[in-house]
Amino acid sequence: MKTKFNLYLLAAVSSILFVSCNPDSIADEDNPYETEQGLDKKEITDQDLG
């Protein structure tokens, strides 16, 4: 009975560690701060500032 409990405990801990340390997650692919569009400072006028 104790061996069965230990095996279930080991399986639970190892699955939690595998999921939390897995680098293949959707959040890693989505970087909200990286943009492809640049800003040309020459095109900014006084009217754009407000």
Protein backbone atom coordinates (compact mmCIF):
# COMPACT_ATOMS: atom_id res chain seq x y z
CA MET A 1 0.00 0.00 0.00
CA LYS A 2 2.82 2.42 0.84
CA THR A 3 4.62 1.52 -2.42
CA LYS A 4 1.49 2.25 -4.46
CA PHE A 5 1.09 5.63 -2.74
CA ASN A 6 4.74 6.49 -3.41
CA LEU A 7 4.38 5.60 -7.09
CA TYR A 8 1.31 7.81 -7.45
CA LEU A 9 3.09 10.61 -5.63
CA LEU A 10 6.13 10.26 -7.87
CA ALA A 11 3.94 10.29 -10.99
CA ALA A 12 2.08 13.40 -9.82
CA VAL A 13 5.25 15.33 -8.95
CA SER A 14 7.00 14.36 -12.17
CA SER A 15 4.03 15.34 -14.33
CA ILE A 16 3.76 18.72 -12.60
CA LEU A 17 7.47 19.35 -13.11
CA PHE A 18 7.31 18.29 -16.75
CA VAL A 19 4.41 20.61 -17.53
CA SER A 20 5.84 23.59 -15.65
CA CYS A 21 9.34 23.25 -17.15
CA ASN A 22 8.24 22.51 -20.72
CA PRO A 23 9.53 25.27 -23.05
CA ASP A 24 6.96 24.45 -25.75
CA SER A 25 4.20 26.73 -24.57
CA ILE A 26 2.09 29.22 -26.47
CA ALA A 27 3.11 32.07 -24.18
CA ASP A 28 6.74 31.76 -25.27
CA GLU A 29 5.76 32.34 -28.90
CA ASP A 30 3.64 35.41 -28.14
CA ASN A 31 5.74 38.44 -27.32
CA PRO A 32 3.44 41.46 -26.95
CA TYR A 33 6.30 43.96 -26.70
CA GLU A 34 8.05 43.08 -29.94
CA THR A 35 6.77 44.99 -32.95
CA GLU A 36 7.75 44.76 -36.58
CA GLN A 37 6.68 48.30 -37.44
CA GLY A 38 9.20 51.10 -37.13
CA LEU A 39 8.63 54.80 -36.54
CA ASP A 40 10.19 57.41 -38.77
CA LYS A 41 10.92 60.49 -36.66
CA LYS A 42 11.03 62.71 -39.74
CA GLU A 43 7.30 62.15 -40.38
CA ILE A 44 6.21 63.47 -36.95
CA THR A 45 4.84 67.00 -37.06
CA ASP A 46 3.66 69.44 -34.40
CA GLN A 47 0.05 68.59 -35.27
CA ASP A 48 0.67 64.93 -34.36
CA LEU A 49 1.90 65.89 -30.90
CA GLY A 50 -1.24 67.56 -29.99
